[in-house]
Amino acid sequence: MDYLNSQRGRDQKAGEMPQLSEEMSYEAVWQQWLTGEDQLRARVSWALLQIFVISNIAPDIRPAAMSSYVDMLNRNAFGNWRTLLQDVALHPAMGYYLNMLGSEKEDPAQGTHPNENFAREVLQLFSIGLVQLNADGTARLDAAGKTQPTYDQAVVKGFAKAFSGWSFGGLDNNNPAQFHDHDDNIESLWTVPMKAWAGYHSPGEKTLLDGKTLPAGQTPEQDMKDALDTIFQHPNVPPFFAKQLIQRLVTSNPSPAYVGRVAAVFVNDGSGERGSLKAIVRAILLDAEARGGSPAANVAKQREPVIRFANMLRGLGAKSASGQNRIQYLDSSDDALGQSPLLAPSVFNFYSPGYRPAGPIAAQGWVAPEFQISGETAVAGSLNFFADLFNSAGYGWPEEHRLKLDLASLAALDAAALIDRLDLLFFNLGMSDTTRQRLATLVGAIDSKTDSVKAALIVTALSPDHVIQR
């Protein structure tokens, strides 16, 4: 939000009313990614945004709401999962996106009931999933060898009732009329947590998970607390969340033992705290399986297209004269990356954590989530995208906002030093012998140092050992 407000002041002309645009929210994300010193926080926040999804694909979410939501994820990246869950639930961006904002109690005479959208997705996608899990993330089977559901429609309805009666936090909740009758264009409404209107809250008993019920007559605040506590304490949460965060940060196919070790840290970080994200992230990144000290079969994942792009821009010192980046719409597969922050196609994210492309990966029983956005069109589009980036030595327009790449420092190196530098910047010192030989042959065949650097970068961007993180 701080960047958004400073950008509004810069773009505002004398006499004009200050305006925020959705493009400012997208730019704010890339400002952090390209210039921020908090890269691990940014990386975890991006992973959280793909689990606790909001999206402006419509587009109709207010810019202030989007930027405030990303700020909230950044604040919580190393905090506690229970606090994160509440901040997600009560953020007006999520309230608007999944229809909890303004959801009101049932009216039998009108045949209406509280909106179930957030209640369903907070269970299915954000916390426990559809089937009961063992502590290592594998499915818990019944005596017949079948999976067991975690909840049914009665539970969804119960949570929807528990979440009813919330609207904008900047309004007067002693005035019943303001629950619906207010100006949505007031920016400050979109940056503070929602609050409750007791008169619009479902007063009856609510059925929650595993037979737990909330008694009739509780306040909406108490029902919200009890409902979120019930989710937080569910045994599925540690393995369900641990596996998804491992997939976003380390490998698409963590072993059950890896998931189990991280889930155990979720349960207890060593000091008795449940849900410590700082401890969970540390456990994920320092686990023997992540560090190569385990005989795990497949510790690998595809780097997401936007992560590869950010890696290239940071590694090549991309800067614009204005300090802006104007990176905004990359979601086209034809001529961009098929992925753009805050523009996921749905609450199910850009891809499913369980996506399994046909062929050798599926035959092994593995998953490869990012390959869901890596079809033929996307592969060709990304080839053109990166080729244009390097051949033109920059990205964006107009000229004062164009991110210009520093290719001169690479062009000053001899062939061996250039390849070593690319290995450090873009392969994490894991460049294969095949890629190294290919680059050596390519660089040696081009007379112009600058042209050889551009060609080498194109090959780098498309090399399997760069695209696949190990």
Protein backbone atom coordinates (compact mmCIF):
# COMPACT_ATOMS: atom_id res chain seq x y z
CA MET A 1 0.00 0.00 0.00
CA ASP A 2 2.87 2.40 0.69
CA TYR A 3 4.18 1.88 -2.84
CA LEU A 4 0.66 2.21 -4.27
CA ASN A 5 0.12 5.55 -2.55
CA SER A 6 3.49 6.93 -3.58
CA GLN A 7 2.84 5.86 -7.16
CA ARG A 8 -0.55 7.56 -7.15
CA GLY A 9 1.08 10.81 -6.04
CA ARG A 10 3.65 10.53 -8.82
CA ASP A 11 1.09 9.94 -11.57
CA GLN A 12 -1.55 12.39 -10.35
CA LYS A 13 -1.85 15.62 -12.32
CA ALA A 14 -2.59 18.99 -10.75
CA GLY A 15 -6.27 19.42 -9.97
CA GLU A 16 -7.18 15.77 -10.53
CA MET A 17 -8.76 13.52 -7.95
CA PRO A 18 -6.24 10.87 -6.84
CA GLN A 19 -6.86 7.54 -8.53
CA LEU A 20 -5.48 4.06 -8.03
CA SER A 21 -5.31 1.61 -10.91
CA GLU A 22 -5.05 -2.16 -10.97
CA GLU A 23 -1.74 -1.82 -12.81
CA MET A 24 -0.25 -0.15 -9.73
CA SER A 25 -1.04 -3.26 -7.68
CA TYR A 26 0.71 -5.49 -10.20
CA GLU A 27 3.70 -3.16 -10.31
CA ALA A 28 3.95 -3.16 -6.51
CA VAL A 29 4.38 -6.95 -6.53
CA TRP A 30 7.16 -6.73 -9.09
CA GLN A 31 8.83 -3.88 -7.22
CA GLN A 32 9.24 -6.18 -4.25
CA TRP A 33 10.39 -9.06 -6.42
CA LEU A 34 12.96 -7.05 -8.37
CA THR A 35 14.29 -4.57 -5.82
CA GLY A 36 13.31 -5.84 -2.37
CA GLU A 37 15.87 -7.24 0.03
CA ASP A 38 13.29 -9.56 1.61
CA GLN A 39 13.42 -12.21 -1.11
CA LEU A 40 12.55 -15.18 1.08
CA ARG A 41 9.56 -13.30 2.47
CA ALA A 42 8.49 -12.42 -1.08
CA ARG A 43 8.90 -16.02 -2.19
CA VAL A 44 6.83 -17.36 0.72
CA SER A 45 4.21 -14.65 0.23
CA TRP A 46 3.91 -15.63 -3.43
CA ALA A 47 3.42 -19.25 -2.40
CA LEU A 48 0.72 -18.21 0.08
CA LEU A 49 -1.03 -16.16 -2.61
CA GLN A 50 -1.28 -19.34 -4.68
CA ILE A 51 -2.86 -21.22 -1.78
CA PHE A 52 -5.09 -18.46 -0.33
CA VAL A 53 -6.02 -17.23 -3.80
CA ILE A 54 -7.63 -13.95 -4.74
CA SER A 55 -7.69 -12.91 -8.39
CA ASN A 56 -8.56 -9.84 -10.40
CA ILE A 57 -9.19 -11.82 -13.57
CA ALA A 58 -12.73 -10.38 -13.79
CA PRO A 59 -11.37 -7.60 -13.22
CA ASP A 60 -13.28 -5.97 -10.38
CA ILE A 61 -11.25 -6.11 -7.15
CA ARG A 62 -10.20 -2.66 -5.98
CA PRO A 63 -6.46 -1.91 -6.32
CA ALA A 64 -6.26 -0.88 -2.66
CA ALA A 65 -7.76 -4.23 -1.69
CA MET A 66 -5.30 -6.24 -3.79
CA SER A 67 -2.23 -4.43 -2.52
CA SER A 68 -3.46 -4.54 1.07
CA TYR A 69 -4.03 -8.31 0.72
CA VAL A 70 -0.47 -8.87 -0.55
CA ASP A 71 0.83 -6.69 2.28
CA MET A 72 -1.08 -8.90 4.70
CA LEU A 73 0.50 -12.06 3.25
CA ASN A 74 3.94 -10.46 3.56
CA ARG A 75 3.30 -9.60 7.22
CA ASN A 76 2.18 -13.16 7.96
CA ALA A 77 4.82 -15.01 5.92
CA PHE A 78 6.84 -15.88 9.04
CA GLY A 79 4.06 -15.48 11.59
CA ASN A 80 1.47 -17.99 12.80
CA TRP A 81 -0.85 -19.94 10.48
CA ARG A 82 -3.89 -19.34 12.71
CA THR A 83 -3.33 -15.57 12.53
CA LEU A 84 -2.87 -15.85 8.78
CA LEU A 85 -6.14 -17.78 8.45
CA GLN A 86 -8.06 -15.11 10.36
CA ASP A 87 -6.45 -12.27 8.43
CA VAL A 88 -7.35 -14.02 5.17
CA ALA A 89 -10.93 -14.67 6.31
CA LEU A 90 -11.54 -11.08 7.42
CA HIS A 91 -9.76 -9.28 4.60
CA PRO A 92 -12.26 -7.43 2.40
CA ALA A 93 -10.45 -8.58 -0.76
CA MET A 94 -11.15 -12.20 0.16
CA GLY A 95 -14.58 -11.26 1.47
CA TYR A 96 -15.43 -9.79 -1.90
CA TYR A 97 -13.74 -12.48 -4.00
CA LEU A 98 -15.45 -15.41 -2.26
CA ASN A 99 -18.65 -13.61 -1.27
CA MET A 100 -18.41 -13.59 2.52
CA LEU A 101 -18.56 -9.79 2.49
CA GLY A 102 -22.23 -8.96 3.04
CA SER A 103 -23.31 -12.59 3.50
CA GLU A 104 -26.33 -12.56 5.79
CA LYS A 105 -28.37 -14.98 7.84
CA GLU A 106 -30.94 -17.31 6.36
CA ASP A 107 -34.45 -16.07 5.61
CA PRO A 108 -36.87 -19.02 5.30
CA ALA A 109 -39.63 -16.75 4.02
CA GLN A 110 -37.45 -15.64 1.12
CA GLY A 111 -35.76 -19.01 0.69
CA THR A 112 -32.27 -17.47 1.15
CA HIS A 113 -29.29 -18.68 3.14
CA PRO A 114 -25.75 -17.49 3.90
CA ASN A 115 -23.36 -17.58 0.96
CA GLU A 116 -21.36 -20.84 0.99
CA ASN A 117 -18.51 -19.87 -1.32
CA PHE A 118 -15.86 -18.95 1.25
CA ALA A 119 -16.97 -21.71 3.63
CA ARG A 120 -16.43 -24.32 0.91
CA GLU A 121 -13.11 -23.03 -0.36
CA VAL A 122 -11.56 -22.42 3.06
CA LEU A 123 -12.07 -26.12 3.70
CA GLN A 124 -11.33 -27.62 0.30
CA LEU A 125 -8.44 -25.40 -0.85
CA PHE A 126 -7.03 -23.43 2.07
CA SER A 127 -6.85 -25.86 4.98
CA ILE A 128 -7.91 -29.52 5.04
CA GLY A 129 -8.77 -30.75 1.55
CA LEU A 130 -11.41 -33.23 0.52
CA VAL A 131 -10.15 -36.47 2.10
CA GLN A 132 -8.82 -37.41 5.51
CA LEU A 133 -5.03 -37.58 5.67
CA ASN A 134 -2.43 -39.37 7.71
CA ALA A 135 0.23 -37.25 9.38
CA ASP A 136 2.53 -37.76 6.38
CA GLY A 137 -0.02 -36.46 3.86
CA THR A 138 -1.07 -39.85 2.47
CA ALA A 139 -4.78 -40.59 2.30
CA ARG A 140 -6.31 -42.31 5.32
CA LEU A 141 -8.23 -45.34 4.07
CA ASP A 142 -11.16 -47.16 5.63
CA ALA A 143 -11.43 -50.92 6.10
CA ALA A 144 -12.47 -51.29 2.46
CA GLY A 145 -9.41 -49.39 1.27
CA LYS A 146 -11.37 -46.30 0.26
CA THR A 147 -10.65 -42.67 1.05
CA GLN A 148 -12.81 -40.92 3.63
CA PRO A 149 -14.27 -37.43 3.12
CA THR A 150 -13.35 -34.67 5.50
CA TYR A 151 -16.75 -32.96 5.45
CA ASP A 152 -20.15 -32.94 3.81
CA GLN A 153 -22.66 -30.31 2.70
CA ALA A 154 -24.07 -29.93 6.21
CA VAL A 155 -20.61 -28.83 7.39
CA VAL A 156 -20.34 -26.31 4.54
CA LYS A 157 -23.70 -24.87 5.54
CA GLY A 158 -22.61 -24.75 9.18
CA PHE A 159 -19.47 -22.80 8.39
CA ALA A 160 -21.39 -20.49 6.07
CA LYS A 161 -23.72 -19.66 8.95
CA ALA A 162 -20.78 -19.17 11.30
CA PHE A 163 -19.25 -16.72 8.79
CA SER A 164 -22.44 -14.71 8.19
CA GLY A 165 -22.99 -11.09 9.20
CA TRP A 166 -19.64 -9.49 8.20
CA SER A 167 -19.18 -6.33 6.17
CA PHE A 168 -16.65 -3.51 5.79
CA GLY A 169 -14.64 -2.67 8.88
CA GLY A 170 -14.68 1.06 8.20
CA LEU A 171 -18.45 1.34 8.63
CA ASP A 172 -20.67 1.82 11.68
CA ASN A 173 -21.89 -1.63 12.66
CA ASN A 174 -24.34 -0.06 15.12
CA ASN A 175 -26.24 1.16 12.07
CA PRO A 176 -27.99 -1.84 10.49
CA ALA A 177 -28.55 0.02 7.23
CA GLN A 178 -24.81 0.36 6.58
CA PHE A 179 -24.42 -3.40 6.21
CA HIS A 180 -25.69 -3.03 2.64
CA ASP A 181 -26.09 0.72 2.15
CA HIS A 182 -22.60 2.20 1.74
CA ASP A 183 -20.21 3.54 -0.87
CA ASP A 184 -17.91 0.73 -2.03
CA ASN A 185 -15.60 3.25 -3.68
CA ILE A 186 -14.17 4.50 -0.38
CA GLU A 187 -10.63 3.11 -0.57
CA SER A 188 -10.10 2.85 3.18
CA LEU A 189 -12.90 0.29 3.42
CA TRP A 190 -10.78 -2.14 1.43
CA THR A 191 -7.69 -2.05 3.64
CA VAL A 192 -9.04 -2.83 7.13
CA PRO A 193 -10.46 -6.13 8.42
CA MET A 194 -14.18 -6.71 8.11
CA LYS A 195 -16.35 -6.45 11.20
CA ALA A 196 -19.63 -7.98 12.29
CA TRP A 197 -23.25 -6.84 12.27
CA ALA A 198 -25.00 -9.00 14.87
CA GLY A 199 -28.41 -8.47 13.33
CA TYR A 200 -27.31 -10.10 10.06
CA HIS A 201 -25.63 -13.10 11.71
CA SER A 202 -27.24 -16.53 11.69
CA PRO A 203 -28.37 -17.10 15.29
CA GLY A 204 -28.91 -20.87 15.28
CA GLU A 205 -26.74 -23.87 16.02
CA LYS A 206 -23.99 -24.61 13.47
CA THR A 207 -22.55 -27.99 12.48
CA LEU A 208 -18.79 -27.93 12.00
CA LEU A 209 -16.07 -30.53 11.42
CA ASP A 210 -16.04 -34.00 12.99
CA GLY A 211 -19.35 -33.56 14.77
CA LYS A 212 -18.44 -30.32 16.54
CA THR A 213 -21.31 -27.85 16.85
CA LEU A 214 -21.53 -24.21 17.80
CA PRO A 215 -24.38 -23.41 20.19
CA ALA A 216 -27.16 -21.07 19.17
CA GLY A 217 -27.04 -17.46 20.26
CA GLN A 218 -23.30 -16.80 20.06
CA THR A 219 -21.98 -13.50 18.75
CA PRO A 220 -20.63 -13.46 15.19
CA GLU A 221 -17.18 -12.75 16.61
CA GLN A 222 -17.34 -15.84 18.85
CA ASP A 223 -18.66 -18.02 16.03
CA MET A 224 -15.87 -16.80 13.75
CA LYS A 225 -13.23 -17.55 16.39
CA ASP A 226 -14.62 -20.99 17.17
CA ALA A 227 -14.99 -21.89 13.49
CA LEU A 228 -11.42 -20.87 12.64
CA ASP A 229 -10.08 -22.61 15.75
CA THR A 230 -11.88 -25.79 14.66
CA ILE A 231 -10.15 -25.63 11.28
CA PHE A 232 -6.77 -24.83 12.83
CA GLN A 233 -6.92 -27.83 15.16
CA HIS A 234 -8.01 -30.30 12.49
CA PRO A 235 -5.39 -33.05 11.97
CA ASN A 236 -5.44 -32.56 8.19
CA VAL A 237 -4.11 -29.01 8.31
CA PRO A 238 -0.43 -29.77 9.08
CA PRO A 239 0.14 -32.33 6.27
CA PHE A 240 -2.19 -30.59 3.80
CA PHE A 241 -0.48 -27.23 4.16
CA ALA A 242 3.03 -28.67 4.53
CA LYS A 243 2.79 -30.57 1.25
CA GLN A 244 1.51 -27.56 -0.69
CA LEU A 245 4.21 -25.26 0.65
CA ILE A 246 6.91 -27.84 -0.09
CA GLN A 247 5.56 -28.08 -3.64
CA ARG A 248 5.73 -24.33 -4.08
CA LEU A 249 9.25 -23.99 -2.64
CA VAL A 250 11.20 -27.20 -3.19
CA THR A 251 9.77 -30.19 -5.05
CA SER A 252 6.58 -31.29 -6.75
CA ASN A 253 6.78 -34.77 -5.24
CA PRO A 254 7.94 -34.68 -1.62
CA SER A 255 8.17 -38.06 0.01
CA PRO A 256 5.62 -38.87 2.72
CA ALA A 257 8.51 -38.81 5.22
CA TYR A 258 9.42 -35.25 4.16
CA VAL A 259 5.80 -34.11 4.47
CA GLY A 260 5.55 -35.84 7.83
CA ARG A 261 8.64 -34.11 9.21
CA VAL A 262 7.37 -30.68 8.18
CA ALA A 263 3.85 -31.45 9.42
CA ALA A 264 5.31 -32.39 12.80
CA VAL A 265 6.92 -28.94 12.98
CA PHE A 266 3.53 -27.42 12.16
CA VAL A 267 2.09 -29.28 15.16
CA ASN A 268 4.93 -28.23 17.45
CA ASP A 269 7.83 -25.98 16.49
CA GLY A 270 9.89 -27.23 19.43
CA SER A 271 8.61 -24.62 21.86
CA GLY A 272 5.00 -25.79 21.94
CA GLU A 273 3.70 -23.43 19.26
CA ARG A 274 1.35 -24.85 16.64
CA GLY A 275 1.40 -23.26 13.20
CA SER A 276 4.68 -21.32 13.35
CA LEU A 277 5.31 -20.42 9.71
CA LYS A 278 8.88 -19.36 10.47
CA ALA A 279 9.60 -22.84 11.79
CA ILE A 280 7.70 -24.50 8.95
CA VAL A 281 9.62 -22.61 6.24
CA ARG A 282 12.91 -23.39 7.99
CA ALA A 283 11.99 -27.07 8.21
CA ILE A 284 11.08 -27.17 4.50
CA LEU A 285 14.27 -25.52 3.28
CA LEU A 286 16.69 -27.26 5.63
CA ASP A 287 15.26 -30.78 5.41
CA ALA A 288 17.73 -33.43 4.24
CA GLU A 289 15.49 -34.18 1.26
CA ALA A 290 15.61 -30.55 0.18
CA ARG A 291 19.37 -30.29 0.68
CA GLY A 292 20.27 -33.37 -1.34
CA GLY A 293 21.19 -35.48 1.65
CA SER A 294 18.42 -37.99 1.11
CA PRO A 295 18.08 -40.74 -1.52
CA ALA A 296 14.68 -39.35 -2.54
CA ALA A 297 13.88 -40.21 -6.14
CA ASN A 298 12.53 -36.95 -7.49
CA VAL A 299 13.44 -33.76 -5.64
CA ALA A 300 12.60 -31.38 -8.47
CA LYS A 301 9.99 -28.93 -9.71
CA GLN A 302 9.47 -26.70 -12.69
CA ARG A 303 10.31 -23.08 -11.95
CA GLU A 304 7.18 -21.06 -12.53
CA PRO A 305 7.38 -18.77 -15.57
CA VAL A 306 7.14 -15.57 -13.51
CA ILE A 307 9.86 -16.81 -11.15
CA ARG A 308 12.15 -17.45 -14.13
CA PHE A 309 11.40 -13.97 -15.47
CA ALA A 310 12.10 -12.34 -12.10
CA ASN A 311 15.30 -14.37 -11.80
CA MET A 312 16.45 -13.08 -15.19
CA LEU A 313 15.62 -9.46 -14.43
CA ARG A 314 17.32 -9.48 -11.04
CA GLY A 315 20.32 -11.42 -12.28
CA LEU A 316 20.84 -9.02 -15.17
CA GLY A 317 20.42 -5.88 -13.06
CA ALA A 318 17.32 -4.66 -14.89
CA LYS A 319 16.54 -1.01 -14.12
CA SER A 320 14.46 1.75 -15.65
CA ALA A 321 15.14 5.47 -15.66
CA SER A 322 11.90 6.15 -13.79
CA GLY A 323 12.32 3.40 -11.19
CA GLN A 324 9.05 1.85 -12.39
CA ASN A 325 8.70 -1.47 -14.16
CA ARG A 326 5.26 -1.53 -15.81
CA ILE A 327 5.14 -5.34 -15.63
CA GLN A 328 1.42 -5.91 -15.65
CA TYR A 329 -0.22 -8.52 -17.87
CA LEU A 330 1.75 -11.70 -18.45
CA ASP A 331 -1.17 -14.14 -18.38
CA SER A 332 -1.39 -14.68 -22.15
CA SER A 333 0.12 -17.99 -23.28
CA ASP A 334 0.58 -16.79 -26.85
CA ASP A 335 3.05 -13.97 -26.34
CA ALA A 336 3.76 -13.84 -22.60
CA LEU A 337 4.18 -16.35 -19.77
CA GLY A 338 0.70 -17.75 -19.13
CA GLN A 339 0.93 -16.49 -15.55
CA SER A 340 0.72 -13.09 -13.89
CA PRO A 341 0.51 -12.17 -10.18
CA LEU A 342 -3.05 -11.49 -8.97
CA LEU A 343 -4.52 -12.81 -12.24
CA ALA A 344 -5.04 -16.51 -11.55
CA PRO A 345 -7.89 -17.89 -13.69
CA SER A 346 -9.85 -19.01 -10.61
CA VAL A 347 -9.64 -19.73 -6.88
CA PHE A 348 -8.01 -23.02 -7.93
CA ASN A 349 -4.88 -21.03 -8.86
CA PHE A 350 -2.95 -21.22 -12.13
CA TYR A 351 -2.61 -24.98 -11.79
CA SER A 352 -3.64 -27.81 -9.50
CA PRO A 353 -1.14 -29.22 -6.96
CA GLY A 354 -2.23 -32.66 -8.12
CA TYR A 355 -1.85 -32.11 -11.88
CA ARG A 356 -0.29 -35.10 -13.61
CA PRO A 357 0.71 -34.71 -17.28
CA ALA A 358 0.34 -37.82 -19.40
CA GLY A 359 3.53 -39.70 -20.16
CA PRO A 360 6.56 -40.65 -18.05
CA ILE A 361 5.59 -38.42 -15.11
CA ALA A 362 2.13 -39.95 -14.80
CA ALA A 363 3.59 -43.44 -15.33
CA GLN A 364 5.79 -42.91 -12.26
CA GLY A 365 2.77 -41.81 -10.23
CA TRP A 366 4.26 -38.33 -9.84
CA VAL A 367 2.67 -34.92 -10.23
CA ALA A 368 4.02 -31.81 -11.99
CA PRO A 369 1.71 -28.89 -11.13
CA GLU A 370 3.40 -26.16 -13.18
CA PHE A 371 3.19 -28.26 -16.33
CA GLN A 372 -0.54 -27.53 -16.40
CA ILE A 373 0.36 -24.11 -17.85
CA SER A 374 3.18 -25.48 -20.01
CA GLY A 375 1.34 -26.64 -23.12
CA GLU A 376 2.66 -26.28 -26.65
CA THR A 377 1.35 -22.74 -27.04
CA ALA A 378 2.86 -21.63 -23.75
CA VAL A 379 6.26 -23.17 -24.51
CA ALA A 380 6.39 -21.41 -27.88
CA GLY A 381 5.11 -18.19 -26.35
CA SER A 382 7.73 -18.21 -23.60
CA LEU A 383 10.46 -18.89 -26.18
CA ASN A 384 9.40 -15.77 -28.07
CA PHE A 385 9.01 -13.82 -24.84
CA PHE A 386 12.51 -14.54 -23.55
CA ALA A 387 14.09 -14.20 -27.00
CA ASP A 388 12.58 -10.73 -27.33
CA LEU A 389 13.68 -9.83 -23.80
CA PHE A 390 17.32 -10.63 -24.53
CA ASN A 391 17.50 -9.51 -28.15
CA SER A 392 16.07 -6.11 -27.24
CA ALA A 393 18.08 -6.02 -23.98
CA GLY A 394 15.07 -4.92 -21.99
CA TYR A 395 11.38 -5.08 -21.21
CA GLY A 396 8.53 -2.60 -21.26
CA TRP A 397 7.51 0.76 -22.57
CA PRO A 398 7.46 3.76 -22.83
CA GLU A 399 11.20 4.38 -22.82
CA GLU A 400 11.45 6.03 -19.40
CA HIS A 401 9.87 2.95 -17.79
CA ARG A 402 11.73 0.37 -19.86
CA LEU A 403 13.71 -2.11 -17.79
CA LYS A 404 17.13 -2.23 -19.41
CA LEU A 405 19.35 -5.27 -18.93
CA ASP A 406 23.02 -4.95 -18.02
CA LEU A 407 24.59 -7.11 -20.72
CA ALA A 408 27.87 -5.18 -20.81
CA SER A 409 29.25 -6.83 -17.68
CA LEU A 410 28.66 -10.27 -19.23
CA ALA A 411 30.06 -9.23 -22.61
CA ALA A 412 33.30 -8.22 -20.88
CA LEU A 413 33.94 -11.84 -19.80
CA ASP A 414 35.72 -14.50 -21.80
CA ALA A 415 33.74 -17.57 -22.84
CA ALA A 416 34.62 -19.72 -19.84
CA ALA A 417 33.97 -16.95 -17.32
CA LEU A 418 30.67 -16.07 -19.04
CA ILE A 419 29.42 -19.64 -18.74
CA ASP A 420 30.52 -19.81 -15.10
CA ARG A 421 28.64 -16.57 -14.41
CA LEU A 422 25.47 -17.90 -16.05
CA ASP A 423 25.85 -21.07 -13.99
CA LEU A 424 25.95 -19.00 -10.79
CA LEU A 425 23.11 -16.64 -11.70
CA PHE A 426 20.60 -18.97 -13.32
CA PHE A 427 21.48 -22.60 -12.54
CA ASN A 428 22.40 -22.38 -8.84
CA LEU A 429 25.76 -23.90 -9.86
CA GLY A 430 23.91 -26.93 -11.19
CA MET A 431 24.49 -26.48 -14.92
CA SER A 432 24.72 -29.84 -16.67
CA ASP A 433 27.73 -30.82 -18.74
CA THR A 434 25.48 -30.96 -21.80
CA THR A 435 24.31 -27.38 -21.34
CA ARG A 436 27.84 -26.20 -20.60
CA GLN A 437 29.13 -27.76 -23.82
CA ARG A 438 26.20 -26.38 -25.81
CA LEU A 439 26.87 -22.87 -24.51
CA ALA A 440 30.60 -23.16 -25.17
CA THR A 441 29.98 -24.17 -28.78
CA LEU A 442 27.44 -21.40 -29.26
CA VAL A 443 29.54 -18.63 -27.73
CA GLY A 444 32.58 -19.71 -29.67
CA ALA A 445 30.70 -19.52 -32.98
CA ILE A 446 29.57 -15.89 -32.63
CA ASP A 447 32.05 -13.08 -33.14
CA SER A 448 30.12 -10.25 -31.49
CA LYS A 449 30.46 -10.45 -27.70
CA THR A 450 27.06 -8.82 -27.14
CA ASP A 451 25.34 -11.11 -29.63
CA SER A 452 26.97 -14.15 -28.04
CA VAL A 453 25.69 -13.07 -24.62
CA LYS A 454 22.15 -12.66 -26.00
CA ALA A 455 22.25 -16.08 -27.63
CA ALA A 456 23.64 -17.67 -24.48
CA LEU A 457 20.86 -16.13 -22.41
CA ILE A 458 18.19 -17.45 -24.77
CA VAL A 459 19.63 -20.95 -24.49
CA THR A 460 19.88 -20.54 -20.73
CA ALA A 461 16.22 -19.53 -20.40
CA LEU A 462 15.10 -22.64 -22.27
CA SER A 463 17.56 -25.18 -20.87
CA PRO A 464 15.93 -27.99 -18.88
CA ASP A 465 18.46 -27.62 -16.06
CA HIS A 466 17.41 -23.97 -15.65
CA VAL A 467 13.69 -24.53 -16.11
CA ILE A 468 13.66 -27.47 -13.69
CA GLN A 469 14.72 -26.59 -10.15
CA ARG A 470 16.68 -29.27 -8.35
